[in-house]
Amino acid sequence: MIQHEIDIKKTGVTAQGIKSKRLVEVPFPLPPLAKQKAIVEKVDYLIKIIDQLEEQIKHRKQLAQDFMQTVLREAFE
C-alpha cells in the first residue's frame, strides 16, 4: 500500500501524487440504492431524536435553575 501525504484545506483535501483523473477510475463500493436510502432515513430519524433530547436537556436545565432559585429564595426569607 502506498502512503500519501494528505493536505487538508478549507477548499478540500489533496493527496500528493494522486491525480483526480486516476482517483475517478478507482472503484468505490457502495451499498445498493435501497440500502443507501434506508441509511439516510435512519440517520434523519436519529438526528430528530437527538434534537428532541437536546431540547429536553435545555428545558430540564432551566427547570433545575428555577428550582434552585426557589429553594435559595425560600431559604433566605
N, C-alpha and C. Protein backbone atom coordinates (compact mmCIF):
# COMPACT_ATOMS: atom_id res chain seq x y z
N MET A 1 0.85 -1.19 0.00
CA MET A 1 0.00 0.00 0.00
C MET A 1 0.89 1.24 0.00
N ILE A 2 0.59 2.16 -0.87
CA ILE A 2 1.37 3.39 -0.98
C ILE A 2 0.79 4.43 -0.04
N GLN A 3 1.67 5.02 0.77
CA GLN A 3 1.25 6.09 1.69
C GLN A 3 1.38 7.42 0.97
N HIS A 4 0.40 8.28 1.12
CA HIS A 4 0.43 9.62 0.53
C HIS A 4 0.20 10.63 1.63
N GLU A 5 0.90 11.74 1.51
CA GLU A 5 0.69 12.83 2.46
C GLU A 5 -0.61 13.53 2.08
N ILE A 6 -1.46 13.72 3.04
CA ILE A 6 -2.76 14.35 2.78
C ILE A 6 -2.73 15.77 3.30
N ASP A 7 -3.17 16.70 2.46
CA ASP A 7 -3.20 18.11 2.80
C ASP A 7 -4.65 18.55 2.89
N ILE A 8 -5.09 18.94 4.09
CA ILE A 8 -6.48 19.35 4.29
C ILE A 8 -6.55 20.88 4.31
N LYS A 9 -7.38 21.42 3.45
CA LYS A 9 -7.57 22.86 3.37
C LYS A 9 -9.06 23.17 3.45
N LYS A 10 -9.38 24.43 3.58
CA LYS A 10 -10.79 24.83 3.65
C LYS A 10 -11.54 24.50 2.37
N THR A 11 -10.81 24.43 1.25
CA THR A 11 -11.48 24.20 -0.02
C THR A 11 -11.55 22.73 -0.40
N GLY A 12 -10.90 21.85 0.37
CA GLY A 12 -10.94 20.43 0.05
C GLY A 12 -9.73 19.70 0.59
N VAL A 13 -9.54 18.51 0.09
CA VAL A 13 -8.44 17.67 0.53
C VAL A 13 -7.64 17.25 -0.69
N THR A 14 -6.32 17.36 -0.58
CA THR A 14 -5.46 16.90 -1.67
C THR A 14 -4.49 15.87 -1.12
N ALA A 15 -4.13 14.94 -1.95
CA ALA A 15 -3.11 13.95 -1.61
C ALA A 15 -2.04 14.02 -2.69
N GLN A 16 -0.83 14.33 -2.29
CA GLN A 16 0.24 14.48 -3.24
C GLN A 16 0.46 13.19 -4.02
N GLY A 17 0.56 13.28 -5.32
CA GLY A 17 0.82 12.12 -6.15
C GLY A 17 -0.44 11.43 -6.65
N ILE A 18 -1.60 11.85 -6.21
CA ILE A 18 -2.86 11.25 -6.67
C ILE A 18 -3.58 12.27 -7.52
N LYS A 19 -3.76 11.96 -8.77
CA LYS A 19 -4.45 12.85 -9.70
C LYS A 19 -5.94 12.51 -9.70
N SER A 20 -6.78 13.53 -9.85
CA SER A 20 -8.22 13.31 -9.81
C SER A 20 -8.66 12.35 -10.91
N LYS A 21 -8.01 12.41 -12.07
CA LYS A 21 -8.36 11.51 -13.16
C LYS A 21 -8.18 10.05 -12.74
N ARG A 22 -7.08 9.78 -12.04
CA ARG A 22 -6.80 8.41 -11.57
C ARG A 22 -7.77 8.01 -10.45
N LEU A 23 -8.08 8.96 -9.61
CA LEU A 23 -8.97 8.69 -8.48
C LEU A 23 -10.37 8.30 -8.96
N VAL A 24 -10.84 8.95 -10.01
CA VAL A 24 -12.16 8.66 -10.56
C VAL A 24 -12.22 7.22 -11.08
N GLU A 25 -11.10 6.70 -11.51
CA GLU A 25 -11.05 5.35 -12.06
C GLU A 25 -11.04 4.26 -10.98
N VAL A 26 -10.79 4.64 -9.74
CA VAL A 26 -10.72 3.66 -8.65
C VAL A 26 -12.13 3.25 -8.25
N PRO A 27 -12.40 1.95 -8.24
CA PRO A 27 -13.75 1.51 -7.84
C PRO A 27 -13.99 1.82 -6.36
N PHE A 28 -15.17 2.31 -6.08
CA PHE A 28 -15.56 2.65 -4.71
C PHE A 28 -16.87 1.95 -4.41
N PRO A 29 -16.82 0.92 -3.58
CA PRO A 29 -18.05 0.15 -3.34
C PRO A 29 -19.11 0.95 -2.57
N LEU A 30 -20.31 0.86 -3.04
CA LEU A 30 -21.45 1.49 -2.38
C LEU A 30 -22.54 0.44 -2.19
N PRO A 31 -23.31 0.58 -1.12
CA PRO A 31 -24.44 -0.34 -0.96
C PRO A 31 -25.50 -0.05 -2.03
N PRO A 32 -26.39 -0.98 -2.25
CA PRO A 32 -27.48 -0.74 -3.22
C PRO A 32 -28.27 0.51 -2.83
N LEU A 33 -28.90 1.13 -3.83
CA LEU A 33 -29.62 2.38 -3.61
C LEU A 33 -30.67 2.25 -2.51
N ALA A 34 -31.37 1.14 -2.46
CA ALA A 34 -32.40 0.94 -1.42
C ALA A 34 -31.75 0.99 -0.03
N LYS A 35 -30.59 0.38 0.10
CA LYS A 35 -29.89 0.37 1.39
C LYS A 35 -29.40 1.78 1.73
N GLN A 36 -28.91 2.52 0.73
CA GLN A 36 -28.48 3.89 0.95
C GLN A 36 -29.64 4.74 1.47
N LYS A 37 -30.80 4.56 0.85
CA LYS A 37 -31.98 5.32 1.28
C LYS A 37 -32.38 4.95 2.71
N ALA A 38 -32.28 3.67 3.03
CA ALA A 38 -32.61 3.22 4.39
C ALA A 38 -31.65 3.83 5.40
N ILE A 39 -30.38 3.92 5.03
CA ILE A 39 -29.38 4.53 5.91
C ILE A 39 -29.70 6.00 6.13
N VAL A 40 -30.04 6.70 5.06
CA VAL A 40 -30.38 8.13 5.17
C VAL A 40 -31.60 8.32 6.06
N GLU A 41 -32.62 7.48 5.88
CA GLU A 41 -33.83 7.58 6.71
C GLU A 41 -33.49 7.36 8.18
N LYS A 42 -32.64 6.37 8.46
CA LYS A 42 -32.27 6.07 9.84
C LYS A 42 -31.49 7.24 10.45
N VAL A 43 -30.56 7.79 9.69
CA VAL A 43 -29.78 8.93 10.18
C VAL A 43 -30.69 10.12 10.44
N ASP A 44 -31.60 10.41 9.52
CA ASP A 44 -32.56 11.51 9.72
C ASP A 44 -33.39 11.29 10.98
N TYR A 45 -33.84 10.06 11.19
CA TYR A 45 -34.63 9.72 12.37
C TYR A 45 -33.81 9.96 13.64
N LEU A 46 -32.56 9.50 13.63
CA LEU A 46 -31.70 9.65 14.80
C LEU A 46 -31.38 11.12 15.07
N ILE A 47 -31.19 11.90 14.02
CA ILE A 47 -30.94 13.33 14.19
C ILE A 47 -32.14 14.01 14.84
N LYS A 48 -33.36 13.62 14.44
CA LYS A 48 -34.56 14.19 15.07
C LYS A 48 -34.61 13.83 16.55
N ILE A 49 -34.27 12.61 16.89
CA ILE A 49 -34.25 12.20 18.30
C ILE A 49 -33.22 13.01 19.07
N ILE A 50 -32.04 13.20 18.48
CA ILE A 50 -31.00 14.00 19.13
C ILE A 50 -31.49 15.42 19.36
N ASP A 51 -32.15 16.01 18.36
CA ASP A 51 -32.69 17.36 18.51
C ASP A 51 -33.70 17.42 19.65
N GLN A 52 -34.57 16.42 19.73
CA GLN A 52 -35.56 16.38 20.81
C GLN A 52 -34.88 16.24 22.17
N LEU A 53 -33.86 15.40 22.25
CA LEU A 53 -33.14 15.23 23.51
C LEU A 53 -32.43 16.51 23.93
N GLU A 54 -31.86 17.22 22.96
CA GLU A 54 -31.21 18.49 23.28
C GLU A 54 -32.21 19.50 23.83
N GLU A 55 -33.39 19.54 23.24
CA GLU A 55 -34.44 20.44 23.73
C GLU A 55 -34.86 20.05 25.16
N GLN A 56 -35.00 18.75 25.40
CA GLN A 56 -35.35 18.29 26.75
C GLN A 56 -34.27 18.68 27.76
N ILE A 57 -33.02 18.55 27.37
CA ILE A 57 -31.92 18.91 28.26
C ILE A 57 -31.98 20.39 28.58
N LYS A 58 -32.19 21.24 27.56
CA LYS A 58 -32.29 22.69 27.80
C LYS A 58 -33.44 23.00 28.75
N HIS A 59 -34.58 22.36 28.49
CA HIS A 59 -35.77 22.60 29.31
C HIS A 59 -35.53 22.17 30.76
N ARG A 60 -34.97 20.98 30.93
CA ARG A 60 -34.73 20.48 32.29
C ARG A 60 -33.65 21.27 33.01
N LYS A 61 -32.69 21.78 32.28
CA LYS A 61 -31.66 22.63 32.88
C LYS A 61 -32.30 23.91 33.40
N GLN A 62 -33.21 24.46 32.60
CA GLN A 62 -33.92 25.67 33.04
C GLN A 62 -34.79 25.37 34.26
N LEU A 63 -35.46 24.23 34.26
CA LEU A 63 -36.26 23.85 35.43
C LEU A 63 -35.39 23.72 36.67
N ALA A 64 -34.23 23.11 36.52
CA ALA A 64 -33.31 22.94 37.65
C ALA A 64 -32.83 24.30 38.17
N GLN A 65 -32.53 25.23 37.27
CA GLN A 65 -32.12 26.57 37.69
C GLN A 65 -33.26 27.29 38.41
N ASP A 66 -34.46 27.18 37.87
CA ASP A 66 -35.62 27.80 38.51
C ASP A 66 -35.85 27.20 39.89
N PHE A 67 -35.73 25.88 40.00
CA PHE A 67 -35.92 25.21 41.27
C PHE A 67 -34.88 25.68 42.29
N MET A 68 -33.63 25.79 41.84
CA MET A 68 -32.57 26.24 42.74
C MET A 68 -32.83 27.66 43.22
N GLN A 69 -33.29 28.51 42.33
CA GLN A 69 -33.63 29.88 42.73
C GLN A 69 -34.75 29.89 43.76
N THR A 70 -35.74 29.05 43.57
CA THR A 70 -36.86 28.96 44.51
C THR A 70 -36.37 28.48 45.87
N VAL A 71 -35.54 27.46 45.88
CA VAL A 71 -35.00 26.93 47.14
C VAL A 71 -34.18 27.99 47.85
N LEU A 72 -33.32 28.67 47.13
CA LEU A 72 -32.49 29.71 47.75
C LEU A 72 -33.34 30.87 48.28
N ARG A 73 -34.34 31.25 47.50
CA ARG A 73 -35.22 32.36 47.91
C ARG A 73 -35.94 31.98 49.22
N GLU A 74 -36.47 30.74 49.28
CA GLU A 74 -37.17 30.29 50.49
C GLU A 74 -36.20 30.13 51.67
N ALA A 75 -34.98 29.73 51.41
CA ALA A 75 -34.01 29.54 52.49
C ALA A 75 -33.59 30.85 53.13
N PHE A 76 -33.59 31.92 52.36
CA PHE A 76 -33.11 33.20 52.88
C PHE A 76 -34.22 34.18 53.20
N GLU A 77 -35.45 33.73 53.19
CA GLU A 77 -36.56 34.63 53.55
C GLU A 77 -36.84 34.56 55.02
